Protein backbone atom coordinates (compact mmCIF):
# COMPACT_ATOMS: atom_id res chain seq x y z
CA MET A 1 123.50 11.46 68.50
CA THR A 2 124.06 9.79 64.94
CA ALA A 3 125.77 6.30 65.45
CA GLY A 4 126.54 5.96 61.89
CA THR A 5 129.58 6.98 59.53
CA GLU A 6 130.23 10.79 59.15
CA ALA A 7 126.66 11.84 57.72
CA ALA A 8 126.46 13.79 54.39
CA VAL A 9 123.14 15.63 56.01
CA ALA A 10 121.89 15.50 59.69
CA SER A 11 120.06 12.36 60.64
CA PRO A 12 116.05 12.41 61.49
CA PRO A 13 114.58 12.18 64.68
CA ILE A 14 114.40 8.47 65.54
CA PRO A 15 110.86 7.23 64.50
CA GLY A 16 108.12 6.20 67.37
CA THR A 17 106.26 3.65 65.16
CA LEU A 18 107.40 0.75 62.71
CA ALA A 19 104.80 2.51 60.17
CA GLU A 20 107.01 5.85 60.24
CA ALA A 21 110.01 3.93 60.36
CA LEU A 22 108.91 2.60 57.00
CA SER A 23 107.57 5.81 55.30
CA PRO A 24 109.31 6.68 52.41
CA ALA A 25 110.19 10.49 53.63
CA TRP A 26 111.72 9.22 56.58
CA LEU A 27 113.64 6.36 54.85
CA THR A 28 114.97 8.82 52.29
CA ALA A 29 116.15 11.02 55.15
CA ALA A 30 117.98 8.41 57.28
CA LEU A 31 119.39 6.75 54.22
CA ARG A 32 120.77 10.14 52.70
CA THR A 33 123.25 10.48 55.69
CA ARG A 34 124.96 7.48 53.58
CA PHE A 35 123.56 7.99 50.06
CA PRO A 36 123.48 11.56 49.80
CA ALA A 37 121.55 11.60 46.61
CA VAL A 38 119.09 8.47 47.25
CA GLU A 39 115.07 9.00 46.85
CA VAL A 40 112.76 6.35 48.27
CA HIS A 41 109.77 6.45 46.24
CA ALA A 42 107.76 3.25 47.61
CA VAL A 43 108.05 0.81 50.33
CA GLU A 44 106.96 -2.83 50.11
CA PRO A 45 106.27 -3.86 54.00
CA GLY A 46 107.21 -7.73 54.62
CA GLN A 47 107.17 -10.04 57.71
CA VAL A 48 106.95 -8.40 61.24
CA ILE A 49 108.58 -9.80 64.45
CA SER A 50 108.08 -8.22 67.57
CA ARG A 51 108.86 -9.09 71.08
CA VAL A 52 111.15 -6.70 72.98
CA SER A 53 112.16 -5.15 69.85
CA THR A 54 110.22 -5.05 66.54
CA ASN A 55 112.05 -6.50 63.59
CA ALA A 56 110.70 -5.91 60.20
CA ARG A 57 111.75 -6.83 56.65
CA PHE A 58 110.80 -4.57 53.83
CA ARG A 59 111.98 -3.83 50.00
CA ILE A 60 112.27 -0.31 48.68
CA GLU A 61 111.96 1.22 45.01
CA CYS A 62 114.27 3.92 45.19
CA THR A 63 116.59 6.20 42.89
CA GLY A 64 120.14 7.63 43.35
CA ALA A 65 121.83 4.56 44.71
CA SER A 66 122.80 1.35 42.93
CA ALA A 67 121.29 -1.77 43.92
CA GLU A 68 125.11 -3.29 44.78
CA GLU A 69 125.46 0.19 47.19
CA LEU A 70 122.33 -0.19 48.60
CA PRO A 71 120.37 -3.30 48.06
CA ARG A 72 116.63 -2.87 48.14
CA ASP A 73 115.83 -5.82 50.42
CA LEU A 74 116.20 -4.18 53.76
CA TYR A 75 115.00 -5.18 57.77
CA VAL A 76 114.88 -2.52 60.45
CA LYS A 77 115.26 -3.11 64.23
CA GLY A 78 114.08 -0.82 66.67
CA TYR A 79 111.86 -0.27 69.72
CA PHE A 80 108.23 0.90 69.33
CA THR A 81 105.34 0.50 71.31
CA ASP A 82 101.55 -0.22 70.58
CA ALA A 83 100.50 3.23 71.28
CA GLY A 84 103.10 4.75 69.17
CA ASP A 85 104.76 7.05 71.24
CA GLY A 86 108.78 5.01 70.77
CA SER A 87 109.95 2.98 73.31
CA ALA A 88 113.70 3.15 74.33
CA ASP A 89 115.69 0.34 75.61
CA PRO A 90 119.17 0.76 76.61
CA VAL A 91 120.22 -2.50 75.11
CA GLY A 92 119.44 -1.31 71.73
CA MET A 93 121.39 1.86 71.95
CA GLY A 94 124.21 -0.19 72.08
CA GLU A 95 123.51 -2.12 69.26
CA ALA A 96 122.59 0.59 66.93
CA LEU A 97 126.12 2.63 68.48
CA PHE A 98 128.05 -0.86 67.75
CA TYR A 99 127.07 -0.98 63.88
CA GLY A 100 127.55 2.74 63.24
CA SER A 101 130.93 2.99 65.11
CA ILE A 102 132.54 0.03 65.99
CA ALA A 103 131.62 -3.08 63.26
CA ASP A 104 133.17 -1.84 60.20
CA ARG A 105 136.42 -1.46 61.86
CA THR A 106 136.64 -4.71 63.66
CA GLY A 107 136.30 -6.72 60.06
CA VAL A 108 134.30 -9.58 61.94
CA ARG A 109 131.41 -11.12 59.67
CA THR A 110 128.14 -9.40 60.79
CA LEU A 111 125.00 -7.99 59.41
CA ARG A 112 125.83 -5.00 56.83
CA SER A 113 124.31 -1.86 58.28
CA VAL A 114 123.39 0.94 56.03
CA TYR A 115 122.06 3.14 59.03
CA ALA A 116 122.13 3.29 62.63
CA ASP A 117 121.27 5.55 65.24
CA ALA A 118 120.63 6.02 68.94
CA ASP A 119 119.75 9.26 70.93
CA LEU A 120 121.78 9.32 74.13
CA ALA A 121 119.19 11.44 75.82
CA THR A 122 116.14 9.50 75.10
CA ARG A 123 118.17 5.97 74.72
CA ALA A 124 116.04 5.36 71.50
CA SER A 125 117.82 3.43 68.75
CA ILE A 126 117.28 1.96 65.42
CA VAL A 127 119.30 -0.37 63.02
CA ILE A 128 118.80 -0.54 59.28
CA THR A 129 120.30 -3.78 57.63
CA VAL A 130 120.77 -5.34 54.47
CA ASP A 131 118.04 -8.32 54.17
CA VAL A 132 120.48 -11.43 55.05
CA GLU A 133 117.71 -13.90 54.03
CA ALA A 134 117.17 -12.23 50.68
CA GLN A 135 120.78 -12.55 50.04
CA GLY A 136 120.47 -16.15 50.54
CA GLY A 137 121.52 -16.47 54.25
CA SER A 138 119.40 -17.91 57.02
CA PHE A 139 119.45 -17.08 60.74
CA LEU A 140 120.04 -19.68 63.21
CA ASP A 141 118.34 -20.36 66.55
CA PRO A 142 119.37 -21.68 69.98
CA LEU A 143 118.39 -25.36 69.33
CA SER A 144 119.93 -25.30 65.33
CA ALA A 145 122.39 -28.09 64.68
CA TYR A 146 126.03 -26.70 65.12
CA THR A 147 128.84 -28.85 64.58
CA PRO A 148 132.29 -28.37 65.82
CA ASP A 149 133.72 -27.36 62.62
CA GLN A 150 131.36 -24.27 62.81
CA VAL A 151 132.04 -23.53 65.82
CA ALA A 152 135.68 -23.21 65.13
CA GLN A 153 134.17 -20.90 62.44
CA SER A 154 132.11 -18.67 65.06
CA LEU A 155 135.25 -18.63 67.13
CA GLU A 156 137.18 -17.09 64.28
CA GLN A 157 134.66 -14.52 64.28
CA TYR A 158 134.99 -13.55 68.36
CA ALA A 159 138.88 -13.54 67.92
CA ARG A 160 138.66 -10.95 65.25
CA LEU A 161 136.42 -9.16 67.36
CA HIS A 162 138.77 -9.16 70.15
CA ALA A 163 141.65 -8.66 68.48
CA SER A 164 140.47 -5.55 66.61
CA THR A 165 139.61 -3.97 70.17
CA TRP A 166 142.35 -5.56 72.46
CA LEU A 167 143.38 -2.86 75.02
CA ASP A 168 142.35 0.09 72.36
CA PRO A 169 142.86 3.35 74.00
CA GLU A 170 139.73 4.97 71.63
CA VAL A 171 137.46 1.78 72.61
CA SER A 172 138.37 2.52 76.30
CA ARG A 173 136.85 6.14 76.10
CA ARG A 174 133.35 5.08 74.97
CA ARG A 175 131.16 5.25 77.70
CA TRP A 176 128.44 3.02 76.23
CA LEU A 177 130.89 0.19 76.26
CA ASP A 178 131.45 0.16 80.10
CA THR A 179 130.89 -3.32 81.33
CA TRP A 180 127.65 -3.68 83.22
CA LEU A 181 127.95 -7.50 84.14
CA PRO A 182 127.96 -6.36 88.08
CA ASN A 183 124.29 -4.31 87.22
CA VAL A 184 122.77 -7.89 86.06
CA LEU A 185 123.20 -8.80 89.42
CA HIS A 186 120.82 -6.27 90.60
CA GLY A 187 117.97 -7.57 88.89
CA ARG A 188 116.72 -11.21 88.72
CA GLY A 189 118.55 -12.87 90.88
CA VAL A 190 117.95 -16.49 93.33
CA PRO A 191 114.28 -16.43 93.42
CA VAL A 192 114.01 -16.32 89.18
CA ILE A 193 117.14 -18.87 89.03
CA ARG A 194 115.40 -21.30 92.05
CA GLY A 195 111.97 -21.34 90.02
CA ASN A 196 113.67 -22.12 86.71
CA PHE A 197 116.08 -25.00 88.45
CA ASP A 198 112.75 -26.36 90.26
CA GLY A 199 110.55 -26.57 87.30
CA PRO A 200 110.80 -28.85 83.95
CA ILE A 201 113.00 -26.45 82.81
CA GLY A 202 115.79 -27.28 84.82
CA ALA A 203 115.28 -30.88 85.31
CA GLY A 204 118.61 -31.39 82.77
CA VAL A 205 121.03 -29.63 84.99
CA PRO A 206 123.10 -31.73 87.25
CA ALA A 207 122.35 -31.81 90.89
CA PRO A 208 125.58 -30.02 91.86
CA THR A 209 125.25 -27.17 89.58
CA ARG A 210 121.25 -27.01 89.95
CA ASP A 211 121.72 -24.46 93.22
CA ALA A 212 120.34 -21.18 92.71
CA GLN A 213 122.53 -19.43 95.28
CA ARG A 214 125.93 -21.08 94.44
CA LEU A 215 125.05 -19.85 90.77
CA GLN A 216 124.65 -16.50 92.20
CA ASP A 217 127.79 -16.37 94.31
CA ALA A 218 129.85 -17.79 91.63
CA TYR A 219 128.17 -15.13 89.13
CA ALA A 220 129.39 -12.29 91.45
CA LEU A 221 132.92 -13.51 91.55
CA VAL A 222 132.60 -13.53 87.73
CA ALA A 223 131.07 -10.32 87.05
CA ASN A 224 132.84 -8.37 89.81
CA GLU A 225 136.32 -9.55 88.27
CA ALA A 226 135.17 -8.88 84.52
CA ALA A 227 134.71 -5.22 85.35
CA THR A 228 138.57 -4.63 86.08
CA ALA A 229 139.78 -7.24 84.24
CA SER A 230 143.00 -6.82 81.66
CA PRO A 231 143.44 -7.71 79.44
CA TRP A 232 139.83 -6.61 77.75
CA SER A 233 138.54 -6.13 74.25
CA VAL A 234 134.91 -5.24 72.84
CA VAL A 235 133.01 -8.73 73.21
CA HIS A 236 129.57 -9.55 72.44
CA GLY A 237 128.41 -10.76 75.57
CA ASP A 238 125.60 -13.16 74.66
CA ALA A 239 127.47 -15.85 72.50
CA HIS A 240 125.09 -18.52 71.73
CA VAL A 241 123.94 -20.35 68.58
CA GLY A 242 120.62 -18.12 68.23
CA ASN A 243 122.90 -15.09 67.95
CA LEU A 244 124.35 -16.47 64.82
CA PHE A 245 123.52 -16.50 61.07
CA LEU A 246 125.05 -18.38 58.15
CA ASP A 247 126.00 -15.95 55.09
CA ALA A 248 125.01 -17.25 51.61
CA GLU A 249 128.66 -19.30 51.46
CA GLY A 250 127.39 -21.01 54.35
CA ARG A 251 129.98 -19.30 56.88
CA SER A 252 129.27 -18.16 60.36
CA CYS A 253 128.45 -14.53 61.13
CA LEU A 254 127.74 -12.63 64.28
CA VAL A 255 124.59 -11.01 65.32
CA ASP A 256 122.40 -9.52 68.10
CA TRP A 257 124.88 -7.06 69.43
CA GLN A 258 122.27 -5.88 72.32
CA ILE A 259 124.51 -6.60 75.30
CA VAL A 260 128.30 -5.44 73.43
CA GLN A 261 130.43 -4.02 76.15
CA ARG A 262 134.06 -3.97 77.17
CA GLY A 263 135.39 -7.25 78.87
CA PRO A 264 137.70 -10.23 78.88
CA TRP A 265 137.63 -12.28 76.22
CA TYR A 266 136.69 -15.66 77.78
CA LEU A 267 133.13 -14.48 78.61
CA ASP A 268 132.55 -15.05 75.00
CA VAL A 269 134.48 -17.98 74.37
CA GLY A 270 133.38 -20.18 77.53
CA TYR A 271 129.80 -19.40 76.86
CA HIS A 272 130.04 -20.06 73.28
CA ILE A 273 131.65 -23.45 73.31
CA ALA A 274 129.58 -24.50 76.53
CA SER A 275 125.94 -23.54 75.03
CA SER A 276 126.90 -24.47 71.22
CA LEU A 277 127.09 -28.26 71.20
CA PRO A 278 125.72 -31.29 73.47
CA ALA A 279 127.61 -32.66 76.37
CA GLU A 280 129.32 -35.51 74.40
CA GLN A 281 130.32 -33.21 71.33
CA ARG A 282 131.52 -30.62 73.38
CA ARG A 283 133.61 -32.73 76.01
CA ALA A 284 135.30 -34.39 72.93
CA THR A 285 136.13 -31.43 71.46
CA GLU A 286 136.37 -28.12 73.78
CA HIS A 287 140.21 -28.18 74.06
CA ASP A 288 140.92 -28.34 70.56
CA LEU A 289 138.32 -25.56 69.97
CA LEU A 290 139.98 -23.40 72.96
CA ARG A 291 143.26 -23.85 71.37
CA HIS A 292 141.70 -23.05 67.34
CA TYR A 293 140.45 -19.66 69.21
CA LEU A 294 143.70 -18.92 71.19
CA ASP A 295 145.53 -19.49 67.41
CA ALA A 296 143.30 -17.36 65.59
CA LEU A 297 143.70 -14.23 68.48
CA ALA A 298 147.43 -14.95 68.07
CA SER A 299 147.18 -14.73 64.21
CA HIS A 300 145.89 -11.36 64.62
CA GLY A 301 148.89 -9.98 66.46
CA VAL A 302 147.77 -10.45 70.10
CA ASP A 303 150.14 -12.17 72.50
CA ARG A 304 148.65 -15.72 73.00
CA PRO A 305 147.32 -16.64 76.23
CA ALA A 306 148.99 -19.50 77.93
CA GLU A 307 146.74 -22.67 77.47
CA ASP A 308 146.40 -24.04 80.81
CA GLU A 309 145.60 -20.55 82.30
CA ALA A 310 142.87 -19.98 79.15
CA ARG A 311 141.52 -23.08 80.26
CA ARG A 312 140.72 -22.10 83.72
CA LEU A 313 139.34 -18.81 82.56
CA VAL A 314 136.69 -20.29 79.82
CA ARG A 315 135.22 -21.35 83.07
CA ARG A 316 134.10 -18.08 83.97
CA GLY A 317 132.64 -17.85 80.31
CA ILE A 318 130.83 -20.81 81.14
CA VAL A 319 129.40 -19.29 84.18
CA HIS A 320 128.37 -16.31 82.56
CA GLY A 321 126.38 -18.12 79.94
CA PHE A 322 124.81 -20.19 82.53
CA TYR A 323 123.64 -17.27 84.76
CA LEU A 324 122.21 -15.27 81.89
CA TRP A 325 119.97 -18.42 80.89
CA ALA A 326 119.11 -19.33 84.63
CA ILE A 327 117.60 -15.63 84.88
CA THR A 328 115.72 -16.11 81.60
CA LEU A 329 112.18 -15.57 81.25
CA LYS A 330 109.74 -15.80 78.60
CA VAL A 331 111.74 -17.64 76.06
CA ALA A 332 110.04 -20.82 74.63
CA PRO A 333 110.72 -23.62 77.22
CA PRO A 334 112.70 -26.21 75.11
CA ILE A 335 115.50 -23.71 74.34
CA THR A 336 115.66 -22.62 77.85
CA THR A 337 115.63 -26.51 78.80
CA GLU A 338 118.32 -27.09 76.57
CA LEU A 339 120.82 -24.47 77.06
CA LEU A 340 120.35 -24.81 80.74
CA THR A 341 121.43 -28.42 80.55
CA ARG A 342 124.32 -27.88 78.44
CA LEU A 343 125.45 -24.79 80.39
CA GLY A 344 124.86 -26.39 83.66
CA THR A 345 126.76 -29.60 82.43
CA ALA A 346 129.79 -27.65 81.37
CA ALA A 347 129.56 -25.91 84.85
CA ASP A 348 129.39 -29.74 86.58
CA ASP A 349 132.10 -31.15 84.35
CA HIS A 350 134.64 -28.15 85.01
CA ASP A 351 133.63 -27.58 88.79
CA ALA A 352 133.00 -23.95 87.88
CA LEU A 353 130.76 -22.63 90.21
CA ALA A 354 133.59 -23.64 93.12
CA PRO A 355 135.68 -20.40 93.89
CA ALA A 356 138.45 -21.90 93.69
CA SER A 357 138.23 -22.62 90.32
CA LEU A 358 137.28 -19.29 89.00
């Protein structure tokens, strides 16, 4: 199943290796779904980063499309194994489908996709985007310094995403956007959380929220209510600073749509505010930042949620982010430590693990 815009020609099979993805023949076939006259003559590979996914920069020499239409510096994200037989990941499939079918209509600032495809049968996926860094932009990481004014910028992008898909009947029919938060409860849980909390990674979490079972119970409430919450929209789902980049003009842009889904707005907003700023900065600005988001949402034609109720609901977003980082493994310890400290402190400040608060 092709996730891209209406294709002039059929999409080629999703490649099983990075070498195949960067071959002139495969790239020509893929890019012709959007640029029918293109012919890729040569590919210059660049930096490769492999974790769960493989991310690789490359440059093409081609004819049949101007550099303005099709920039030559590109970036591919796929799921490839060392053995070369292809690797499918459900979260990658959602990201490819987002870029191929929803990203443009939302108007949100994100990577510019020139090709995206997902196979619903095999759950394999691939996305090719314009190289942000080659155009003067820069990716952030979860420890990047980020100011309250920048948080306000990214909240404007979340508001645009939410408003553009708010209770949209067409979005409701897309099964790949079904809320999957309750499924998280069936994976890593209390033992992993306890391991993080009891070690140095969790040392900065305040004692009242450094309780694995209490967090698990609170997240069960948040996840199950989010699955049926209304109003809903498309939410990013993993709204920390590491899933942002700054474009050449220094504007905040959203990236990494691996857990995109339908859900309530506060999952992104509470998580983003609580994780993006050190505690003192967050305490001094969080009410203004929430108000800024609500105003931005209203500017796009959505009925503005009542502020008192919104302040209550963002606690659920704090719990969402806190839980995701509490079950995180195999991320550099300084990152997990800092985000657990920020989110755990925010949860403590708002008494967010108390059922009555949620």
